Structures are given as C-alpha cells and as structure tokens.
Amino acid sequence: MSTIRSFEGFQPVSLKQEGDYQPSETDQLSTEEGDPGTDPEPRQISRQSSATESTLYPNPYHQPFVSRKYFATRPGAIETAIEDLKGHIAKTSGETIQGFWLLTEIDHWNNEKERILLVTDKSLLICKYDFIMLSCVQLQRIPLSSVYQICLGKFVFPGMSLDKRQGEGLRIYWGSLEEQSLFSRWNPWSTEVPYATFTEHPMKYTSEKFLEICKLSGFTSKLVPAIQNAHKNSTGSGRGKGLMVLTEPILIETYMGLMSFIGNRNKLGYSLARGSIGF
C-alpha cells in the first residue's frame, strides 16, 4: 500500500537572486575621422569570444532562455528541495537515502507532472515539490517490498487515441490491477492507481548536474537492487517473492486526451515562469 499526504512541514524560502548578469554578444565598432582627402583608417571590430556561451551552457544546441523558465533549474532550487526532503526523512523514518532524481511522472490520463523521487533502503518516495515557493506539497511513500514488477519500454496507445506521445519510460507496479476500481481507472484525479509511470525530465541536458539527476537509467540502476534487497529483508507475508523486470511497451489507455493535450502543451505540470499578464 502506498500512502499519500499533503505536506505542510516545509516553510517557503526566498530564492536568491542571480548576482551576475551575462550580457548578450555585441559588436564594438570604433572609427576615427580623418581629412576628406585622406583615406580613413581601417575600422577595428572586436567581438566577444564564443567560448563564454559554451562555458555557461554545456549543450550548445540547448536554448538557455528556455531552461530559465523552469524554476527547478534556477540557482539553489534543487539543492533546497533535496535538503528539505533529507530533513523530513531524518525526522520521520530515519531511513538511509540512496539517491534523488528529478523526473516527469505520466499519470493514467497521460498528464505530465514534475516530480522528485527518493530511493531509500525501504521506500520509494514520490514528491510533488513547488519550486516557486520552495515547499513540498505532497509526498507519496511506496514500500519497496510491495513492488513486484517494473516495465521498461516505449509508450503505446490504443489505436483510436487522439493524443499520443513518443519516447520511452518506466512503470512501477505495487498493487493488483484486477483490484483497481472502475472509478479510479477513469478518474483523472484518482490517487488509488496501483502503479506509477515516469520518463526523463525535459531539462535533462541543461547541465552536467541535471544530466545526472534526470537520467532514467540512473534511477533504474539504483531502484532495482534496492527493491531486491527489500524483498530479501521482508518479513511479511506479502508478495516478497522477487521482482520481475520486463522490457515491453507501456500502455497509456487514453482516447480523447483533451485534458492532457492542453496541459502538456502548456507545461501545466511543471513549476514554470509563465510571464506577466496585463493590458
């Protein structure tokens, strides 16, 4: 069984402003005026080195202005989130943390949601974190000993689905699909779905730090042995008989997909700067 709670333990913290401003590349042109009868001196043009941009932004194909829209990428934001969650784990369970990841959850209605994932020696924690107010909004705890299957593969949809996505992901099962009610299956806000689906965060390639914490393969390499160890140490009479890791397509059973079409195109599941609204 997983537990979900609305979390009020974290207090909002003000985010430090960026101290240095990096101007855009400009051309500096200097000319000297001479006599009309004489030839003017040649113009001297000096340009800033292009090495500056490649140093600030490791991926030359990524637009830095796009990445700045995501509050998770702003200085100190992800570090504050990790420290908050470390403090919560130390106060509540005292479990040993094995890693943090920033991934995108895809719910059963194909809606994208920005999530921080923690793997401890006993649990998988899925955190909805507000990177604007720097506070944890919701925390779902899943005992690793209850996870019995992990699927890796490409996303597939019913043939008549109008809103499909490309790419690959990972799905974690901890409950019986047969026992899932029809209401929870077709309720887009249901929290009783016995599985969770994840893919890589869109800001994976903004820096070396985010490349590490947004990589799905890195999360999987830590999660699988943690689940296997939890099964070995489990004393309950639950599943506890082992973990199946399968490579097969991941079905997202949506048809119309109007809600996900609007939400995903506008990145409503992310802490994002959306600009000013006025007249």
Protein backbone atom coordinates (compact mmCIF):
# COMPACT_ATOMS: atom_id res chain seq x y z
CA MET A 1 0.00 0.00 0.00
CA SER A 2 1.21 3.47 -0.78
CA THR A 3 0.45 6.47 1.38
CA ILE A 4 -0.17 9.98 0.10
CA ARG A 5 -0.27 13.01 2.32
CA SER A 6 -0.48 16.74 1.85
CA PHE A 7 2.68 18.10 3.37
CA GLU A 8 2.79 21.30 5.41
CA GLY A 9 6.07 20.75 7.21
CA PHE A 10 8.24 22.75 4.86
CA GLN A 11 8.23 26.53 5.01
CA PRO A 12 8.63 28.60 1.84
CA VAL A 13 12.12 30.05 1.48
CA SER A 14 13.05 33.03 -0.61
CA LEU A 15 15.16 32.20 -3.64
CA LYS A 16 18.45 34.04 -4.02
CA GLN A 17 18.72 36.33 -6.98
CA GLU A 18 21.40 35.75 -9.58
CA GLY A 19 24.19 38.11 -8.71
CA ASP A 20 25.82 38.36 -12.03
CA TYR A 21 24.21 39.34 -15.29
CA GLN A 22 25.64 37.94 -18.51
CA PRO A 23 25.10 40.44 -21.38
CA SER A 24 24.44 39.26 -24.91
CA GLU A 25 27.21 39.28 -27.51
CA THR A 26 27.55 42.71 -29.19
CA ASP A 27 29.84 44.17 -31.75
CA GLN A 28 32.03 47.06 -30.64
CA LEU A 29 32.86 49.36 -33.53
CA SER A 30 35.42 52.17 -33.29
CA THR A 31 36.32 54.54 -36.16
CA GLU A 32 38.45 57.64 -36.37
CA GLU A 33 37.51 60.55 -38.61
CA GLY A 34 40.23 61.88 -40.92
CA ASP A 35 40.57 64.60 -43.51
CA PRO A 36 38.26 64.36 -46.51
CA GLY A 37 41.22 63.99 -48.85
CA THR A 38 42.84 61.18 -46.97
CA ASP A 39 41.72 57.57 -46.67
CA PRO A 40 40.06 56.77 -43.36
CA GLU A 41 41.82 54.35 -41.08
CA PRO A 42 40.50 50.81 -41.26
CA ARG A 43 37.66 50.00 -38.90
CA GLN A 44 38.55 47.83 -35.97
CA ILE A 45 35.90 45.39 -34.86
CA SER A 46 36.24 43.41 -31.63
CA ARG A 47 33.95 40.51 -30.77
CA GLN A 48 33.49 38.64 -27.54
CA SER A 49 34.80 35.13 -27.58
CA SER A 50 32.17 32.49 -28.31
CA ALA A 51 33.80 30.32 -25.64
CA THR A 52 31.80 32.22 -23.00
CA GLU A 53 28.49 30.80 -24.17
CA SER A 54 29.75 27.25 -24.40
CA THR A 55 31.16 27.52 -20.87
CA LEU A 56 27.92 28.77 -19.38
CA TYR A 57 25.74 26.32 -21.27
CA PRO A 58 27.39 22.91 -21.83
CA ASN A 59 24.90 21.89 -24.52
CA PRO A 60 25.35 24.30 -27.49
CA TYR A 61 22.08 23.07 -29.01
CA HIS A 62 20.02 24.00 -25.96
CA GLN A 63 18.49 27.47 -25.66
CA PRO A 64 19.34 28.89 -22.21
CA PHE A 65 16.26 31.12 -22.16
CA VAL A 66 14.03 28.05 -22.33
CA SER A 67 15.77 26.38 -19.39
CA ARG A 68 15.44 29.50 -17.23
CA LYS A 69 11.65 29.20 -17.43
CA TYR A 70 11.82 26.09 -15.25
CA PHE A 71 12.19 27.09 -11.60
CA ALA A 72 13.89 23.77 -10.86
CA THR A 73 16.93 24.91 -12.85
CA ARG A 74 17.37 28.21 -11.01
CA PRO A 75 20.32 28.55 -8.63
CA GLY A 76 19.73 26.83 -5.30
CA ALA A 77 16.25 25.48 -6.09
CA ILE A 78 17.03 21.77 -6.46
CA GLU A 79 19.56 21.93 -3.59
CA THR A 80 16.92 23.43 -1.29
CA ALA A 81 14.42 20.72 -2.26
CA ILE A 82 16.92 17.96 -1.54
CA GLU A 83 17.84 19.41 1.86
CA ASP A 84 14.16 19.75 2.78
CA LEU A 85 13.46 16.13 1.92
CA LYS A 86 16.58 14.92 3.71
CA GLY A 87 15.40 16.68 6.85
CA HIS A 88 11.94 15.17 6.54
CA ILE A 89 13.29 11.64 6.14
CA ALA A 90 15.61 12.09 9.13
CA LYS A 91 12.73 13.26 11.36
CA THR A 92 10.11 10.72 10.29
CA SER A 93 11.63 7.38 9.33
CA GLY A 94 15.40 7.65 9.62
CA GLU A 95 15.82 5.51 6.52
CA THR A 96 19.04 5.55 4.53
CA ILE A 97 18.73 7.66 1.38
CA GLN A 98 20.30 6.14 -1.71
CA GLY A 99 19.60 8.87 -4.23
CA PHE A 100 17.48 11.74 -5.56
CA TRP A 101 16.13 12.19 -9.08
CA LEU A 102 14.10 14.81 -10.92
CA LEU A 103 11.78 13.05 -13.36
CA THR A 104 8.45 13.51 -15.10
CA GLU A 105 5.53 11.38 -13.97
CA ILE A 106 2.93 10.46 -16.58
CA ASP A 107 -0.38 9.65 -14.96
CA HIS A 108 -3.03 7.25 -16.26
CA TRP A 109 -4.58 10.11 -18.27
CA ASN A 110 -1.27 10.98 -19.99
CA ASN A 111 -0.75 14.17 -17.94
CA GLU A 112 2.86 15.18 -17.26
CA LYS A 113 3.81 16.07 -13.69
CA GLU A 114 7.18 17.24 -12.38
CA ARG A 115 8.33 15.01 -9.50
CA ILE A 116 11.30 14.46 -7.20
CA LEU A 117 11.94 10.79 -6.48
CA LEU A 118 13.83 9.43 -3.49
CA VAL A 119 15.02 5.87 -3.07
CA THR A 120 15.80 4.71 0.45
CA ASP A 121 16.63 1.27 1.77
CA LYS A 122 12.91 0.63 2.46
CA SER A 123 10.80 3.02 0.43
CA LEU A 124 10.27 4.86 -2.82
CA LEU A 125 9.07 8.40 -2.22
CA ILE A 126 7.37 10.46 -4.93
CA CYS A 127 7.35 14.15 -4.07
CA LYS A 128 5.32 16.91 -5.64
CA TYR A 129 7.55 19.91 -4.96
CA ASP A 130 6.66 23.55 -5.55
CA PHE A 131 9.88 25.06 -6.91
CA ILE A 132 8.32 28.53 -6.87
CA MET A 133 7.57 28.62 -3.13
CA LEU A 134 10.26 26.03 -2.36
CA SER A 135 7.97 23.75 -0.38
CA CYS A 136 6.80 20.15 -0.55
CA VAL A 137 3.12 19.93 -1.49
CA GLN A 138 2.52 16.18 -1.49
CA LEU A 139 4.54 13.09 -0.62
CA GLN A 140 3.67 9.53 -1.60
CA ARG A 141 5.50 6.68 0.12
CA ILE A 142 5.64 3.22 -1.51
CA PRO A 143 7.24 0.32 0.42
CA LEU A 144 9.85 -1.30 -1.79
CA SER A 145 8.81 -4.74 -0.55
CA SER A 146 5.39 -4.24 -2.20
CA VAL A 147 6.85 -3.53 -5.66
CA TYR A 148 6.62 -6.69 -7.73
CA GLN A 149 7.13 -5.57 -11.33
CA ILE A 150 9.00 -2.94 -13.36
CA CYS A 151 8.43 -2.41 -17.08
CA LEU A 152 10.81 -0.58 -19.40
CA GLY A 153 9.79 0.30 -22.93
CA LYS A 154 8.21 2.65 -25.41
CA PHE A 155 4.84 4.28 -24.83
CA VAL A 156 1.91 2.85 -26.76
CA PHE A 157 -1.71 3.96 -27.02
CA PRO A 158 -5.00 2.48 -28.21
CA GLY A 159 -5.43 2.67 -31.97
CA MET A 160 -8.19 5.28 -31.73
CA SER A 161 -6.35 7.54 -29.30
CA LEU A 162 -6.13 11.17 -30.43
CA ASP A 163 -3.30 12.29 -28.13
CA LYS A 164 -0.19 10.11 -28.34
CA ARG A 165 3.36 10.66 -27.17
CA GLN A 166 6.71 9.40 -28.37
CA GLY A 167 9.59 8.18 -26.24
CA GLU A 168 10.35 5.61 -23.59
CA GLY A 169 9.63 5.30 -19.91
CA LEU A 170 9.46 3.14 -16.83
CA ARG A 171 6.41 1.83 -14.98
CA ILE A 172 6.47 0.58 -11.38
CA TYR A 173 3.73 -1.76 -10.13
CA TRP A 174 2.98 -2.26 -6.44
CA GLY A 175 -0.70 -3.25 -6.46
CA SER A 176 -3.08 -5.53 -8.30
CA LEU A 177 -4.63 -4.15 -11.48
CA GLU A 178 -7.57 -6.52 -11.07
CA GLU A 179 -8.46 -4.90 -7.75
CA GLN A 180 -8.43 -1.38 -9.19
CA SER A 181 -11.93 0.07 -9.24
CA LEU A 182 -13.55 1.36 -12.42
CA PHE A 183 -13.94 4.77 -10.79
CA SER A 184 -10.22 5.14 -10.09
CA ARG A 185 -9.36 3.92 -13.59
CA TRP A 186 -11.41 6.63 -15.29
CA ASN A 187 -11.00 9.38 -12.71
CA PRO A 188 -8.18 11.73 -13.82
CA TRP A 189 -7.58 12.89 -10.23
CA SER A 190 -7.54 9.44 -8.65
CA THR A 191 -4.71 8.68 -6.21
CA GLU A 192 -5.55 4.96 -5.98
CA VAL A 193 -3.80 3.85 -9.16
CA PRO A 194 -1.54 0.86 -8.24
CA TYR A 195 1.35 1.90 -10.48
CA ALA A 196 3.39 4.94 -11.48
CA THR A 197 4.93 5.80 -14.84
CA PHE A 198 7.98 8.00 -15.34
CA THR A 199 10.08 9.46 -18.13
CA GLU A 200 13.03 11.84 -18.26
CA HIS A 201 12.65 15.49 -17.29
CA PRO A 202 12.80 17.93 -20.25
CA MET A 203 15.69 19.84 -18.61
CA LYS A 204 17.99 16.82 -18.64
CA TYR A 205 20.57 18.38 -20.96
CA THR A 206 20.86 21.84 -19.38
CA SER A 207 23.96 20.98 -17.30
CA GLU A 208 26.04 18.10 -16.00
CA LYS A 209 24.16 18.21 -12.69
CA PHE A 210 20.75 17.82 -14.31
CA LEU A 211 22.07 15.23 -16.73
CA GLU A 212 22.84 13.09 -13.68
CA ILE A 213 19.61 13.55 -11.70
CA CYS A 214 17.24 13.47 -14.71
CA LYS A 215 18.60 10.30 -16.27
CA LEU A 216 16.08 7.44 -16.20
CA SER A 217 18.75 4.76 -16.50
CA GLY A 218 20.50 6.07 -13.39
CA PHE A 219 17.25 5.92 -11.42
CA THR A 220 16.56 2.37 -12.61
CA SER A 221 20.06 1.17 -11.70
CA LYS A 222 19.51 2.27 -8.09
CA LEU A 223 15.85 1.27 -7.78
CA VAL A 224 16.11 -2.36 -8.92
CA PRO A 225 18.78 -3.52 -6.40
CA ALA A 226 17.04 -1.55 -3.63
CA ILE A 227 13.79 -3.43 -4.32
CA GLN A 228 15.59 -6.77 -4.46
CA ASN A 229 17.25 -6.11 -1.10
CA ALA A 230 13.92 -5.05 0.39
CA HIS A 231 12.36 -8.32 -0.75
CA LYS A 232 15.17 -10.31 0.84
CA ASN A 233 14.78 -8.48 4.13
CA SER A 234 10.98 -8.54 4.11
CA THR A 235 9.41 -10.47 6.98
CA GLY A 236 5.80 -10.03 5.89
CA SER A 237 3.63 -12.47 4.01
CA GLY A 238 3.05 -10.12 1.07
CA ARG A 239 4.42 -10.61 -2.37
CA GLY A 240 8.04 -10.58 -1.19
CA LYS A 241 8.94 -13.35 -3.63
CA GLY A 242 11.01 -11.39 -6.06
CA LEU A 243 10.94 -8.66 -8.65
CA MET A 244 10.17 -9.02 -12.34
CA VAL A 245 11.90 -6.57 -14.67
CA LEU A 246 10.34 -6.64 -18.12
CA THR A 247 11.12 -4.91 -21.39
CA GLU A 248 7.80 -4.34 -23.10
CA PRO A 249 5.61 -1.49 -24.39
CA ILE A 250 3.96 0.68 -21.75
CA LEU A 251 0.24 1.15 -22.45
CA ILE A 252 -1.35 4.51 -21.64
CA GLU A 253 -5.06 3.94 -22.06
CA THR A 254 -6.40 7.31 -23.15
CA TYR A 255 -8.63 8.07 -26.11
CA MET A 256 -9.76 11.69 -26.47
CA GLY A 257 -6.89 13.15 -24.41
CA LEU A 258 -8.22 16.73 -24.44
CA MET A 259 -7.08 17.43 -20.88
CA SER A 260 -3.56 16.11 -21.46
CA PHE A 261 -3.34 17.86 -24.84
CA ILE A 262 -3.94 21.26 -23.24
CA GLY A 263 -1.93 20.56 -20.08
CA ASN A 264 1.15 19.05 -21.69
CA ARG A 265 1.43 21.65 -24.45
CA ASN A 266 1.36 24.41 -21.84
CA LYS A 267 3.56 22.51 -19.33
CA LEU A 268 0.94 22.90 -16.58
CA GLY A 269 2.52 20.06 -14.59
CA TYR A 270 5.81 21.97 -14.09
CA SER A 271 6.87 24.89 -11.91
CA LEU A 272 7.29 27.26 -14.80
CA ALA A 273 7.62 31.02 -15.29
CA ARG A 274 4.64 31.93 -17.42
CA GLY A 275 5.25 35.64 -17.96
CA SER A 276 3.20 38.63 -16.99
CA ILE A 277 -0.47 39.02 -17.82
CA GLY A 278 -1.79 42.52 -18.39
CA PHE A 279 -3.08 45.08 -20.83
